[in-house]
PDB file of all heavy atoms in Angstrom:
ATOM      1  N   ILE A   1     -19.735  63.542 140.951  1.00  0.00           N
ATOM      2  CA  ILE A   1     -19.874  64.922 140.494  1.00  0.00           C
ATOM      3  C   ILE A   1     -19.572  65.847 141.659  1.00  0.00           C
ATOM      4  O   ILE A   1     -20.149  65.711 142.745  1.00  0.00           O
ATOM      5  CB  ILE A   1     -21.300  65.191 139.977  1.00  0.00           C
ATOM      6  CG1 ILE A   1     -21.636  64.243 138.822  1.00  0.00           C
ATOM      7  CG2 ILE A   1     -21.457  66.630 139.536  1.00  0.00           C
ATOM      8  CD1 ILE A   1     -23.074  64.338 138.352  1.00  0.00           C
ATOM      9  N   GLY A   2     -18.667  66.803 141.449  1.00  0.00           N
ATOM     10  CA  GLY A   2     -18.347  67.770 142.486  1.00  0.00           C
ATOM     11  C   GLY A   2     -19.403  68.860 142.540  1.00  0.00           C
ATOM     12  O   GLY A   2     -19.700  69.502 141.534  1.00  0.00           O
ATOM     13  N   LEU A   3     -19.998  69.084 143.709  1.00  0.00           N
ATOM     14  CA  LEU A   3     -21.050  70.087 143.839  1.00  0.00           C
ATOM     15  C   LEU A   3     -20.531  71.498 143.575  1.00  0.00           C
ATOM     16  O   LEU A   3     -21.231  72.336 143.017  1.00  0.00           O
ATOM     17  CB  LEU A   3     -21.677  70.010 145.233  1.00  0.00           C
ATOM     18  CG  LEU A   3     -22.769  68.954 145.401  1.00  0.00           C
ATOM     19  CD1 LEU A   3     -23.150  68.798 146.863  1.00  0.00           C
ATOM     20  CD2 LEU A   3     -23.996  69.304 144.572  1.00  0.00           C
ATOM     21  N   ARG A   4     -19.292  71.777 143.942  1.00  0.00           N
ATOM     22  CA  ARG A   4     -18.734  73.104 143.706  1.00  0.00           C
ATOM     23  C   ARG A   4     -18.614  73.376 142.209  1.00  0.00           C
ATOM     24  O   ARG A   4     -18.929  74.464 141.725  1.00  0.00           O
ATOM     25  CB  ARG A   4     -17.366  73.227 144.386  1.00  0.00           C
ATOM     26  CG  ARG A   4     -17.427  73.066 145.902  1.00  0.00           C
ATOM     27  CD  ARG A   4     -16.055  73.105 146.545  1.00  0.00           C
ATOM     28  NE  ARG A   4     -16.129  72.735 147.957  1.00  0.00           N
ATOM     29  CZ  ARG A   4     -15.080  72.670 148.768  1.00  0.00           C
ATOM     30  NH1 ARG A   4     -13.875  72.965 148.290  1.00  0.00           N
ATOM     31  NH2 ARG A   4     -15.221  72.310 150.040  1.00  0.00           N
ATOM     32  N   GLU A   5     -18.150  72.359 141.471  1.00  0.00           N
ATOM     33  CA  GLU A   5     -18.045  72.503 140.023  1.00  0.00           C
ATOM     34  C   GLU A   5     -19.426  72.652 139.384  1.00  0.00           C
ATOM     35  O   GLU A   5     -19.608  73.391 138.416  1.00  0.00           O
ATOM     36  CB  GLU A   5     -17.313  71.302 139.410  1.00  0.00           C
ATOM     37  CG  GLU A   5     -15.824  71.240 139.706  1.00  0.00           C
ATOM     38  CD  GLU A   5     -15.512  70.612 141.050  1.00  0.00           C
ATOM     39  OE1 GLU A   5     -16.462  70.293 141.797  1.00  0.00           O
ATOM     40  OE2 GLU A   5     -14.321  70.450 141.374  1.00  0.00           O
ATOM     41  N   LEU A   6     -20.405  71.930 139.945  1.00  0.00           N
ATOM     42  CA  LEU A   6     -21.760  71.990 139.390  1.00  0.00           C
ATOM     43  C   LEU A   6     -22.388  73.367 139.620  1.00  0.00           C
ATOM     44  O   LEU A   6     -23.087  73.899 138.752  1.00  0.00           O
ATOM     45  CB  LEU A   6     -22.618  70.898 140.026  1.00  0.00           C
ATOM     46  CG  LEU A   6     -23.787  70.378 139.188  1.00  0.00           C
ATOM     47  CD1 LEU A   6     -23.290  69.812 137.867  1.00  0.00           C
ATOM     48  CD2 LEU A   6     -24.555  69.306 139.956  1.00  0.00           C
ATOM     49  N   GLU A   7     -22.138  73.963 140.770  1.00  0.00           N
ATOM     50  CA  GLU A   7     -22.639  75.313 141.033  1.00  0.00           C
ATOM     51  C   GLU A   7     -22.046  76.311 140.045  1.00  0.00           C
ATOM     52  O   GLU A   7     -22.740  77.185 139.520  1.00  0.00           O
ATOM     53  CB  GLU A   7     -22.311  75.728 142.466  1.00  0.00           C
ATOM     54  CG  GLU A   7     -23.176  75.060 143.513  1.00  0.00           C
ATOM     55  CD  GLU A   7     -23.008  75.695 144.882  1.00  0.00           C
ATOM     56  OE1 GLU A   7     -22.651  76.890 144.945  1.00  0.00           O
ATOM     57  OE2 GLU A   7     -23.220  75.002 145.885  1.00  0.00           O
ATOM     58  N   ARG A   8     -20.753  76.190 139.802  1.00  0.00           N
ATOM     59  CA  ARG A   8     -20.093  77.088 138.840  1.00  0.00           C
ATOM     60  C   ARG A   8     -20.677  76.895 137.446  1.00  0.00           C
ATOM     61  O   ARG A   8     -20.893  77.851 136.703  1.00  0.00           O
ATOM     62  CB  ARG A   8     -18.591  76.809 138.830  1.00  0.00           C
ATOM     63  CG  ARG A   8     -17.774  77.774 137.958  1.00  0.00           C
ATOM     64  CD  ARG A   8     -16.336  77.326 137.891  1.00  0.00           C
ATOM     65  NE  ARG A   8     -16.221  76.052 137.188  1.00  0.00           N
ATOM     66  CZ  ARG A   8     -15.293  75.139 137.475  1.00  0.00           C
ATOM     67  NH1 ARG A   8     -14.426  75.338 138.455  1.00  0.00           N
ATOM     68  NH2 ARG A   8     -15.241  74.015 136.784  1.00  0.00           N
ATOM     69  N   PHE A   9     -20.966  75.645 137.107  1.00  0.00           N
ATOM     70  CA  PHE A   9     -21.546  75.302 135.812  1.00  0.00           C
ATOM     71  C   PHE A   9     -22.897  75.998 135.616  1.00  0.00           C
ATOM     72  O   PHE A   9     -23.167  76.600 134.575  1.00  0.00           O
ATOM     73  CB  PHE A   9     -21.703  73.775 135.755  1.00  0.00           C
ATOM     74  CG  PHE A   9     -22.406  73.236 134.543  1.00  0.00           C
ATOM     75  CD1 PHE A   9     -21.832  73.304 133.292  1.00  0.00           C
ATOM     76  CD2 PHE A   9     -23.646  72.627 134.667  1.00  0.00           C
ATOM     77  CE1 PHE A   9     -22.471  72.777 132.181  1.00  0.00           C
ATOM     78  CE2 PHE A   9     -24.293  72.095 133.567  1.00  0.00           C
ATOM     79  CZ  PHE A   9     -23.702  72.179 132.321  1.00  0.00           C
ATOM     80  N   VAL A  10     -23.740  75.950 136.649  1.00  0.00           N
ATOM     81  CA  VAL A  10     -25.058  76.578 136.559  1.00  0.00           C
ATOM     82  C   VAL A  10     -24.923  78.099 136.514  1.00  0.00           C
ATOM     83  O   VAL A  10     -25.626  78.776 135.759  1.00  0.00           O
ATOM     84  CB  VAL A  10     -25.934  76.145 137.749  1.00  0.00           C
ATOM     85  CG1 VAL A  10     -27.247  76.920 137.764  1.00  0.00           C
ATOM     86  CG2 VAL A  10     -26.217  74.649 137.677  1.00  0.00           C
ATOM     87  N   TYR A  11     -24.025  78.644 137.299  1.00  0.00           N
ATOM     88  CA  TYR A  11     -23.852  80.095 137.351  1.00  0.00           C
ATOM     89  C   TYR A  11     -23.302  80.629 136.026  1.00  0.00           C
ATOM     90  O   TYR A  11     -23.746  81.670 135.526  1.00  0.00           O
ATOM     91  CB  TYR A  11     -22.910  80.465 138.491  1.00  0.00           C
ATOM     92  CG  TYR A  11     -22.655  81.955 138.593  1.00  0.00           C
ATOM     93  CD1 TYR A  11     -23.583  82.804 139.174  1.00  0.00           C
ATOM     94  CD2 TYR A  11     -21.473  82.504 138.089  1.00  0.00           C
ATOM     95  CE1 TYR A  11     -23.355  84.166 139.258  1.00  0.00           C
ATOM     96  CE2 TYR A  11     -21.230  83.860 138.155  1.00  0.00           C
ATOM     97  CZ  TYR A  11     -22.183  84.686 138.750  1.00  0.00           C
ATOM     98  OH  TYR A  11     -21.955  86.031 138.817  1.00  0.00           O
ATOM     99  N   THR A  12     -22.350  79.908 135.442  1.00  0.00           N
ATOM    100  CA  THR A  12     -21.690  80.380 134.216  1.00  0.00           C
ATOM    101  C   THR A  12     -22.542  80.111 132.981  1.00  0.00           C
ATOM    102  O   THR A  12     -22.621  80.942 132.073  1.00  0.00           O
ATOM    103  CB  THR A  12     -20.311  79.703 134.048  1.00  0.00           C
ATOM    104  OG1 THR A  12     -19.549  79.885 135.234  1.00  0.00           O
ATOM    105  CG2 THR A  12     -19.554  80.295 132.863  1.00  0.00           C
ATOM    106  N   GLY A  13     -23.193  78.940 132.920  1.00  0.00           N
ATOM    107  CA  GLY A  13     -23.984  78.581 131.751  1.00  0.00           C
ATOM    108  C   GLY A  13     -23.153  77.860 130.711  1.00  0.00           C
ATOM    109  O   GLY A  13     -21.932  77.761 130.809  1.00  0.00           O
ATOM    110  N   LEU A  14     -23.815  77.348 129.685  1.00  0.00           N
ATOM    111  CA  LEU A  14     -23.136  76.602 128.618  1.00  0.00           C
ATOM    112  C   LEU A  14     -22.538  77.604 127.622  1.00  0.00           C
ATOM    113  O   LEU A  14     -23.103  77.864 126.556  1.00  0.00           O
ATOM    114  CB  LEU A  14     -24.114  75.662 127.919  1.00  0.00           C
ATOM    115  CG  LEU A  14     -24.649  74.516 128.779  1.00  0.00           C
ATOM    116  CD1 LEU A  14     -25.648  73.682 128.000  1.00  0.00           C
ATOM    117  CD2 LEU A  14     -23.512  73.633 129.261  1.00  0.00           C
ATOM    118  N   VAL A  15     -21.386  78.138 127.984  1.00  0.00           N
ATOM    119  CA  VAL A  15     -20.751  79.172 127.169  1.00  0.00           C
ATOM    120  C   VAL A  15     -19.333  78.751 126.802  1.00  0.00           C
ATOM    121  O   VAL A  15     -18.663  78.062 127.559  1.00  0.00           O
ATOM    122  CB  VAL A  15     -20.710  80.530 127.899  1.00  0.00           C
ATOM    123  CG1 VAL A  15     -22.119  81.019 128.184  1.00  0.00           C
ATOM    124  CG2 VAL A  15     -19.908  80.433 129.196  1.00  0.00           C
ATOM    125  N   GLY A  16     -18.905  79.195 125.628  1.00  0.00           N
ATOM    126  CA  GLY A  16     -17.534  78.964 125.210  1.00  0.00           C
ATOM    127  C   GLY A  16     -16.620  80.106 125.580  1.00  0.00           C
ATOM    128  O   GLY A  16     -15.409  79.961 125.640  1.00  0.00           O
ATOM    129  N   ARG A  17     -17.205  81.266 125.852  1.00  0.00           N
ATOM    130  CA  ARG A  17     -16.452  82.431 126.336  1.00  0.00           C
ATOM    131  C   ARG A  17     -17.411  83.297 127.149  1.00  0.00           C
ATOM    132  O   ARG A  17     -18.629  83.121 127.094  1.00  0.00           O
ATOM    133  CB  ARG A  17     -15.850  83.211 125.170  1.00  0.00           C
ATOM    134  CG  ARG A  17     -16.845  83.830 124.212  1.00  0.00           C
ATOM    135  CD  ARG A  17     -16.134  84.654 123.139  1.00  0.00           C
ATOM    136  NE  ARG A  17     -17.057  85.516 122.426  1.00  0.00           N
ATOM    137  CZ  ARG A  17     -17.699  85.175 121.327  1.00  0.00           C
ATOM    138  NH1 ARG A  17     -17.511  83.971 120.798  1.00  0.00           N
ATOM    139  NH2 ARG A  17     -18.523  86.020 120.742  1.00  0.00           N
ATOM    140  N   LEU A  18     -16.869  84.256 127.893  1.00  0.00           N
ATOM    141  CA  LEU A  18     -17.676  85.022 128.832  1.00  0.00           C
ATOM    142  C   LEU A  18     -18.228  86.323 128.266  1.00  0.00           C
ATOM    143  O   LEU A  18     -19.136  86.910 128.857  1.00  0.00           O
ATOM    144  CB  LEU A  18     -16.853  85.325 130.093  1.00  0.00           C
ATOM    145  CG  LEU A  18     -16.441  84.100 130.915  1.00  0.00           C
ATOM    146  CD1 LEU A  18     -15.541  84.525 132.066  1.00  0.00           C
ATOM    147  CD2 LEU A  18     -17.668  83.365 131.431  1.00  0.00           C
ATOM    148  N   ASP A  19     -17.699  86.787 127.139  1.00  0.00           N
ATOM    149  CA  ASP A  19     -18.107  88.099 126.612  1.00  0.00           C
ATOM    150  C   ASP A  19     -19.310  87.984 125.674  1.00  0.00           C
ATOM    151  O   ASP A  19     -19.317  88.543 124.589  1.00  0.00           O
ATOM    152  CB  ASP A  19     -16.938  88.780 125.903  1.00  0.00           C
ATOM    153  CG  ASP A  19     -16.401  87.954 124.747  1.00  0.00           C
ATOM    154  OD1 ASP A  19     -16.637  86.725 124.730  1.00  0.00           O
ATOM    155  OD2 ASP A  19     -15.744  88.530 123.862  1.00  0.00           O
ATOM    156  N   LEU A  20     -20.331  87.262 126.107  1.00  0.00           N
ATOM    157  CA  LEU A  20     -21.540  87.093 125.301  1.00  0.00           C
ATOM    158  C   LEU A  20     -22.574  88.142 125.705  1.00  0.00           C
ATOM    159  O   LEU A  20     -22.587  88.599 126.855  1.00  0.00           O
ATOM    160  CB  LEU A  20     -22.121  85.694 125.498  1.00  0.00           C
ATOM    161  CG  LEU A  20     -21.251  84.509 125.055  1.00  0.00           C
ATOM    162  CD1 LEU A  20     -21.961  83.208 125.404  1.00  0.00           C
ATOM    163  CD2 LEU A  20     -20.942  84.570 123.578  1.00  0.00           C
ATOM    164  N   PRO A  21     -23.477  88.511 124.798  1.00  0.00           N
ATOM    165  CA  PRO A  21     -24.569  89.418 125.161  1.00  0.00           C
ATOM    166  C   PRO A  21     -25.379  88.842 126.318  1.00  0.00           C
ATOM    167  O   PRO A  21     -25.527  87.622 126.444  1.00  0.00           O
ATOM    168  CB  PRO A  21     -25.407  89.492 123.881  1.00  0.00           C
ATOM    169  CG  PRO A  21     -24.454  89.129 122.783  1.00  0.00           C
ATOM    170  CD  PRO A  21     -23.500  88.136 123.367  1.00  0.00           C
ATOM    171  N   GLU A  22     -25.904  89.718 127.149  1.00  0.00           N
ATOM    172  CA  GLU A  22     -26.585  89.283 128.369  1.00  0.00           C
ATOM    173  C   GLU A  22     -27.764  88.364 128.071  1.00  0.00           C
ATOM    174  O   GLU A  22     -27.990  87.374 128.772  1.00  0.00           O
ATOM    175  CB  GLU A  22     -27.044  90.500 129.163  1.00  0.00           C
ATOM    176  CG  GLU A  22     -27.487  90.179 130.575  1.00  0.00           C
ATOM    177  CD  GLU A  22     -26.377  89.543 131.407  1.00  0.00           C
ATOM    178  OE1 GLU A  22     -25.196  89.891 131.202  1.00  0.00           O
ATOM    179  OE2 GLU A  22     -26.707  88.676 132.250  1.00  0.00           O
ATOM    180  N   ALA A  23     -28.530  88.674 127.038  1.00  0.00           N
ATOM    181  CA  ALA A  23     -29.695  87.844 126.703  1.00  0.00           C
ATOM    182  C   ALA A  23     -29.267  86.437 126.301  1.00  0.00           C
ATOM    183  O   ALA A  23     -29.887  85.436 126.683  1.00  0.00           O
ATOM    184  CB  ALA A  23     -30.495  88.494 125.580  1.00  0.00           C
ATOM    185  N   LEU A  24     -28.175  86.355 125.524  1.00  0.00           N
ATOM    186  CA  LEU A  24     -27.668  85.048 125.105  1.00  0.00           C
ATOM    187  C   LEU A  24     -27.103  84.290 126.297  1.00  0.00           C
ATOM    188  O   LEU A  24     -27.302  83.081 126.424  1.00  0.00           O
ATOM    189  CB  LEU A  24     -26.601  85.235 124.024  1.00  0.00           C
ATOM    190  CG  LEU A  24     -25.999  83.957 123.420  1.00  0.00           C
ATOM    191  CD1 LEU A  24     -27.096  83.068 122.853  1.00  0.00           C
ATOM    192  CD2 LEU A  24     -24.972  84.308 122.340  1.00  0.00           C
ATOM    193  N   ARG A  25     -26.419  85.006 127.148  1.00  0.00           N
ATOM    194  CA  ARG A  25     -25.869  84.370 128.358  1.00  0.00           C
ATOM    195  C   ARG A  25     -26.996  83.786 129.208  1.00  0.00           C
ATOM    196  O   ARG A  25     -26.870  82.686 129.759  1.00  0.00           O
ATOM    197  CB  ARG A  25     -25.080  85.423 129.140  1.00  0.00           C
ATOM    198  CG  ARG A  25     -24.562  84.974 130.496  1.00  0.00           C
ATOM    199  CD  ARG A  25     -23.323  84.102 130.392  1.00  0.00           C
ATOM    200  NE  ARG A  25     -22.832  83.773 131.701  1.00  0.00           N
ATOM    201  CZ  ARG A  25     -22.000  84.537 132.401  1.00  0.00           C
ATOM    202  NH1 ARG A  25     -21.562  85.683 131.901  1.00  0.00           N
ATOM    203  NH2 ARG A  25     -21.577  84.148 133.588  1.00  0.00           N
ATOM    204  N   ALA A  26     -28.126  84.500 129.308  1.00  0.00           N
ATOM    205  CA  ALA A  26     -29.257  84.000 130.092  1.00  0.00           C
ATOM    206  C   ALA A  26     -29.799  82.694 129.501  1.00  0.00           C
ATOM    207  O   ALA A  26     -30.169  81.772 130.237  1.00  0.00           O
ATOM    208  CB  ALA A  26     -30.354  85.060 130.153  1.00  0.00           C
ATOM    209  N   GLN A  27     -29.822  82.601 128.171  1.00  0.00           N
ATOM    210  CA  GLN A  27     -30.277  81.366 127.521  1.00  0.00           C
ATOM    211  C   GLN A  27     -29.345  80.200 127.858  1.00  0.00           C
ATOM    212  O   GLN A  27     -29.795  79.078 128.089  1.00  0.00           O
ATOM    213  CB  GLN A  27     -30.332  81.572 126.009  1.00  0.00           C
ATOM    214  CG  GLN A  27     -31.402  82.534 125.535  1.00  0.00           C
ATOM    215  CD  GLN A  27     -31.346  82.752 124.036  1.00  0.00           C
ATOM    216  OE1 GLN A  27     -30.700  82.006 123.299  1.00  0.00           O
ATOM    217  NE2 GLN A  27     -32.028  83.798 123.561  1.00  0.00           N
ATOM    218  N   ARG A  28     -28.052  80.497 127.878  1.00  0.00           N
ATOM    219  CA  ARG A  28     -27.075  79.436 128.162  1.00  0.00           C
ATOM    220  C   ARG A  28     -27.156  78.974 129.610  1.00  0.00           C
ATOM    221  O   ARG A  28     -26.895  77.808 129.911  1.00  0.00           O
ATOM    222  CB  ARG A  28     -25.667  79.930 127.837  1.00  0.00           C
ATOM    223  CG  ARG A  28     -25.495  80.406 126.405  1.00  0.00           C
ATOM    224  CD  ARG A  28     -25.743  79.290 125.385  1.00  0.00           C
ATOM    225  NE  ARG A  28     -25.494  79.787 124.051  1.00  0.00           N
ATOM    226  CZ  ARG A  28     -24.281  79.977 123.540  1.00  0.00           C
ATOM    227  NH1 ARG A  28     -23.197  79.675 124.246  1.00  0.00           N
ATOM    228  NH2 ARG A  28     -24.138  80.453 122.311  1.00  0.00           N
ATOM    229  N   VAL A  29     -27.471  79.885 130.513  1.00  0.00           N
ATOM    230  CA  VAL A  29     -27.664  79.497 131.905  1.00  0.00           C
ATOM    231  C   VAL A  29     -28.864  78.551 132.018  1.00  0.00           C
ATOM    232  O   VAL A  29     -28.821  77.550 132.743  1.00  0.00           O
ATOM    233  CB  VAL A  29     -27.865  80.743 132.789  1.00  0.00           C
ATOM    234  CG1 VAL A  29     -28.366  80.343 134.189  1.00  0.00           C
ATOM    235  CG2 VAL A  29     -26.559  81.525 132.912  1.00  0.00           C
ATOM    236  N   GLN A  30     -29.929  78.840 131.284  1.00  0.00           N
ATOM    237  CA  GLN A  30     -31.100  77.957 131.295  1.00  0.00           C
ATOM    238  C   GLN A  30     -30.750  76.579 130.744  1.00  0.00           C
ATOM    239  O   GLN A  30     -31.254  75.556 131.216  1.00  0.00           O
ATOM    240  CB  GLN A  30     -32.241  78.587 130.494  1.00  0.00           C
ATOM    241  CG  GLN A  30     -32.866  79.800 131.154  1.00  0.00           C
ATOM    242  CD  GLN A  30     -33.364  79.498 132.557  1.00  0.00           C
ATOM    243  OE1 GLN A  30     -34.023  78.480 132.800  1.00  0.00           O
ATOM    244  NE2 GLN A  30     -33.035  80.378 133.498  1.00  0.00           N
ATOM    245  N   ALA A  31     -29.879  76.537 129.731  1.00  0.00           N
ATOM    246  CA  ALA A  31     -29.447  75.251 129.167  1.00  0.00           C
ATOM    247  C   ALA A  31     -28.659  74.449 130.204  1.00  0.00           C
ATOM    248  O   ALA A  31     -28.815  73.224 130.310  1.00  0.00           O
ATOM    249  CB  ALA A  31     -28.600  75.482 127.915  1.00  0.00           C
ATOM    250  N   ALA A  32     -27.826  75.128 130.989  1.00  0.00           N
ATOM    251  CA  ALA A  32     -27.072  74.449 132.043  1.00  0.00           C
ATOM    252  C   ALA A  32     -28.019  73.923 133.124  1.00  0.00           C
ATOM    253  O   ALA A  32     -27.856  72.803 133.625  1.00  0.00           O
ATOM    254  CB  ALA A  32     -26.042  75.401 132.645  1.00  0.00           C
ATOM    255  N   ARG A  33     -29.012  74.724 133.474  1.00  0.00           N
ATOM    256  CA  ARG A  33     -29.997  74.286 134.465  1.00  0.00           C
ATOM    257  C   ARG A  33     -30.763  73.061 133.974  1.00  0.00           C
ATOM    258  O   ARG A  33     -31.078  72.155 134.747  1.00  0.00           O
ATOM    259  CB  ARG A  33     -30.971  75.429 134.778  1.00  0.00           C
ATOM    260  CG  ARG A  33     -30.323  76.614 135.495  1.00  0.00           C
ATOM    261  CD  ARG A  33     -31.294  77.772 135.642  1.00  0.00           C
ATOM    262  NE  ARG A  33     -32.393  77.418 136.535  1.00  0.00           N
ATOM    263  CZ  ARG A  33     -32.360  77.557 137.857  1.00  0.00           C
ATOM    264  NH1 ARG A  33     -31.281  78.037 138.440  1.00  0.00           N
ATOM    265  NH2 ARG A  33     -33.399  77.226 138.591  1.00  0.00           N
ATOM    266  N   ARG A  34     -31.040  73.023 132.666  1.00  0.00           N
ATOM    267  CA  ARG A  34     -31.720  71.852 132.085  1.00  0.00           C
ATOM    268  C   ARG A  34     -30.895  70.592 132.288  1.00  0.00           C
ATOM    269  O   ARG A  34     -31.427  69.521 132.617  1.00  0.00           O
ATOM    270  CB  ARG A  34     -31.958  72.094 130.592  1.00  0.00           C
ATOM    271  CG  ARG A  34     -32.693  70.964 129.876  1.00  0.00           C
ATOM    272  CD  ARG A  34     -32.542  71.115 128.379  1.00  0.00           C
ATOM    273  NE  ARG A  34     -31.165  70.954 127.960  1.00  0.00           N
ATOM    274  CZ  ARG A  34     -30.554  71.695 127.028  1.00  0.00           C
ATOM    275  NH1 ARG A  34     -31.202  72.682 126.437  1.00  0.00           N
ATOM    276  NH2 ARG A  34     -29.297  71.470 126.701  1.00  0.00           N
ATOM    277  N   GLU A  35     -29.561  70.699 132.109  1.00  0.00           N
ATOM    278  CA  GLU A  35     -28.709  69.527 132.292  1.00  0.00           C
ATOM    279  C   GLU A  35     -28.685  69.072 133.742  1.00  0.00           C
ATOM    280  O   GLU A  35     -28.662  67.870 134.028  1.00  0.00           O
ATOM    281  CB  GLU A  35     -27.282  69.833 131.818  1.00  0.00           C
ATOM    282  CG  GLU A  35     -27.137  69.934 130.317  1.00  0.00           C
ATOM    283  CD  GLU A  35     -27.539  68.658 129.587  1.00  0.00           C
ATOM    284  OE1 GLU A  35     -27.244  67.551 130.085  1.00  0.00           O
ATOM    285  OE2 GLU A  35     -28.164  68.763 128.516  1.00  0.00           O
ATOM    286  N   VAL A  36     -28.692  70.029 134.676  1.00  0.00           N
ATOM    287  CA  VAL A  36     -28.695  69.664 136.094  1.00  0.00           C
ATOM    288  C   VAL A  36     -30.017  68.994 136.458  1.00  0.00           C
ATOM    289  O   VAL A  36     -30.053  68.028 137.224  1.00  0.00           O
ATOM    290  CB  VAL A  36     -28.423  70.899 136.974  1.00  0.00           C
ATOM    291  CG1 VAL A  36     -28.530  70.537 138.456  1.00  0.00           C
ATOM    292  CG2 VAL A  36     -27.026  71.448 136.676  1.00  0.00           C
ATOM    293  N   ARG A  37     -31.122  69.485 135.907  1.00  0.00           N
ATOM    294  CA  ARG A  37     -32.417  68.815 136.130  1.00  0.00           C
ATOM    295  C   ARG A  37     -32.389  67.400 135.568  1.00  0.00           C
ATOM    296  O   ARG A  37     -32.972  66.478 136.146  1.00  0.00           O
ATOM    297  CB  ARG A  37     -33.551  69.624 135.493  1.00  0.00           C
ATOM    298  CG  ARG A  37     -33.946  70.862 136.286  1.00  0.00           C
ATOM    299  CD  ARG A  37     -35.279  71.434 135.803  1.00  0.00           C
ATOM    300  NE  ARG A  37     -35.174  71.938 134.438  1.00  0.00           N
ATOM    301  CZ  ARG A  37     -34.848  73.185 134.129  1.00  0.00           C
ATOM    302  NH1 ARG A  37     -34.583  74.055 135.093  1.00  0.00           N
ATOM    303  NH2 ARG A  37     -34.782  73.571 132.876  1.00  0.00           N
ATOM    304  N   TRP A  38     -31.708  67.213 134.434  1.00  0.00           N
ATOM    305  CA  TRP A  38     -31.573  65.879 133.839  1.00  0.00           C
ATOM    306  C   TRP A  38     -30.837  64.939 134.799  1.00  0.00           C
ATOM    307  O   TRP A  38     -31.238  63.785 134.988  1.00  0.00           O
ATOM    308  CB  TRP A  38     -30.827  65.993 132.512  1.00  0.00           C
ATOM    309  CG  TRP A  38     -30.505  64.696 131.848  1.00  0.00           C
ATOM    310  CD1 TRP A  38     -29.353  63.979 131.961  1.00  0.00           C
ATOM    311  CD2 TRP A  38     -31.342  63.943 130.958  1.00  0.00           C
ATOM    312  NE1 TRP A  38     -29.402  62.834 131.209  1.00  0.00           N
ATOM    313  CE2 TRP A  38     -30.620  62.782 130.582  1.00  0.00           C
ATOM    314  CE3 TRP A  38     -32.624  64.139 130.444  1.00  0.00           C
ATOM    315  CZ2 TRP A  38     -31.138  61.842 129.712  1.00  0.00           C
ATOM    316  CZ3 TRP A  38     -33.138  63.175 129.584  1.00  0.00           C
ATOM    317  CH2 TRP A  38     -32.405  62.052 129.227  1.00  0.00           C
ATOM    318  N   ILE A  39     -29.771  65.447 135.421  1.00  0.00           N
ATOM    319  CA  ILE A  39     -29.024  64.636 136.392  1.00  0.00           C
ATOM    320  C   ILE A  39     -29.922  64.300 137.586  1.00  0.00           C
ATOM    321  O   ILE A  39     -29.929  63.161 138.077  1.00  0.00           O
ATOM    322  CB  ILE A  39     -27.769  65.384 136.876  1.00  0.00           C
ATOM    323  CG1 ILE A  39     -26.828  65.683 135.719  1.00  0.00           C
ATOM    324  CG2 ILE A  39     -27.026  64.552 137.926  1.00  0.00           C
ATOM    325  CD1 ILE A  39     -25.669  66.581 136.101  1.00  0.00           C
ATOM    326  N   ALA A  40     -30.676  65.304 138.060  1.00  0.00           N
ATOM    327  CA  ALA A  40     -31.576  65.065 139.193  1.00  0.00           C
ATOM    328  C   ALA A  40     -32.600  63.981 138.859  1.00  0.00           C
ATOM    329  O   ALA A  40     -32.889  63.102 139.681  1.00  0.00           O
ATOM    330  CB  ALA A  40     -32.282  66.366 139.580  1.00  0.00           C
ATOM    331  N   ASP A  41     -33.130  64.027 137.649  1.00  0.00           N
ATOM    332  CA  ASP A  41     -34.100  63.005 137.233  1.00  0.00           C
ATOM    333  C   ASP A  41     -33.457  61.626 137.160  1.00  0.00           C
ATOM    334  O   ASP A  41     -34.072  60.618 137.534  1.00  0.00           O
ATOM    335  CB  ASP A  41     -34.701  63.364 135.872  1.00  0.00           C
ATOM    336  CG  ASP A  41     -35.603  64.589 135.940  1.00  0.00           C
ATOM    337  OD1 ASP A  41     -36.001  64.974 137.061  1.00  0.00           O
ATOM    338  OD2 ASP A  41     -35.894  65.175 134.867  1.00  0.00           O
ATOM    339  N   LEU A  42     -32.212  61.566 136.683  1.00  0.00           N
ATOM    340  CA  LEU A  42     -31.494  60.287 136.641  1.00  0.00           C
ATOM    341  C   LEU A  42     -31.303  59.732 138.051  1.00  0.00           C
ATOM    342  O   LEU A  42     -31.490  58.542 138.302  1.00  0.00           O
ATOM    343  CB  LEU A  42     -30.124  60.467 135.975  1.00  0.00           C
ATOM    344  CG  LEU A  42     -30.017  60.313 134.463  1.00  0.00           C
ATOM    345  CD1 LEU A  42     -28.586  60.580 134.010  1.00  0.00           C
ATOM    346  CD2 LEU A  42     -30.455  58.919 134.009  1.00  0.00           C
ATOM    347  N   MET A  43     -30.914  60.616 138.970  1.00  0.00           N
ATOM    348  CA  MET A  43     -30.687  60.170 140.347  1.00  0.00           C
ATOM    349  C   MET A  43     -31.991  59.700 140.982  1.00  0.00           C
ATOM    350  O   MET A  43     -32.004  58.735 141.751  1.00  0.00           O
ATOM    351  CB  MET A  43     -30.066  61.291 141.166  1.00  0.00           C
ATOM    352  CG  MET A  43     -28.687  61.715 140.689  1.00  0.00           C
ATOM    353  SD  MET A  43     -27.863  62.887 141.799  1.00  0.00           S
ATOM    354  CE  MET A  43     -27.339  61.768 143.116  1.00  0.00           C
ATOM    355  N   ALA A  44     -33.091  60.373 140.651  1.00  0.00           N
ATOM    356  CA  ALA A  44     -34.380  60.002 141.234  1.00  0.00           C
ATOM    357  C   ALA A  44     -34.883  58.678 140.671  1.00  0.00           C
ATOM    358  O   ALA A  44     -35.434  57.843 141.406  1.00  0.00           O
ATOM    359  CB  ALA A  44     -35.402  61.107 140.981  1.00  0.00           C
ATOM    360  N   SER A  45     -34.698  58.460 139.372  1.00  0.00           N
ATOM    361  CA  SER A  45     -35.202  57.234 138.738  1.00  0.00           C
ATOM    362  C   SER A  45     -34.290  56.041 138.987  1.00  0.00           C
ATOM    363  O   SER A  45     -34.728  54.891 138.907  1.00  0.00           O
ATOM    364  CB  SER A  45     -35.375  57.446 137.234  1.00  0.00           C
ATOM    365  OG  SER A  45     -34.125  57.758 136.620  1.00  0.00           O
ATOM    366  N   GLN A  46     -32.997  56.301 139.270  1.00  0.00           N
ATOM    367  CA  GLN A  46     -32.025  55.258 139.604  1.00  0.00           C
ATOM    368  C   GLN A  46     -32.025  54.092 138.607  1.00  0.00           C
ATOM    369  O   GLN A  46     -32.410  52.972 138.943  1.00  0.00           O
ATOM    370  CB  GLN A  46     -32.285  54.727 141.017  1.00  0.00           C
ATOM    371  CG  GLN A  46     -32.208  55.798 142.094  1.00  0.00           C
ATOM    372  CD  GLN A  46     -32.372  55.248 143.488  1.00  0.00           C
ATOM    373  OE1 GLN A  46     -31.635  54.362 143.903  1.00  0.00           O
ATOM    374  NE2 GLN A  46     -33.348  55.763 144.228  1.00  0.00           N
TER     375      GLN A  46
END
């Protein structure tokens, strides 16, 4: 996993386009953060 791509993923959020309402965009960013936490848990549990 490329860390640069992962940072962009968290910053952008799980969105199909960028012109989303700010509140919805914030929800999608939280969804992206959830996936990164999932990866962290996988790496920790090995």
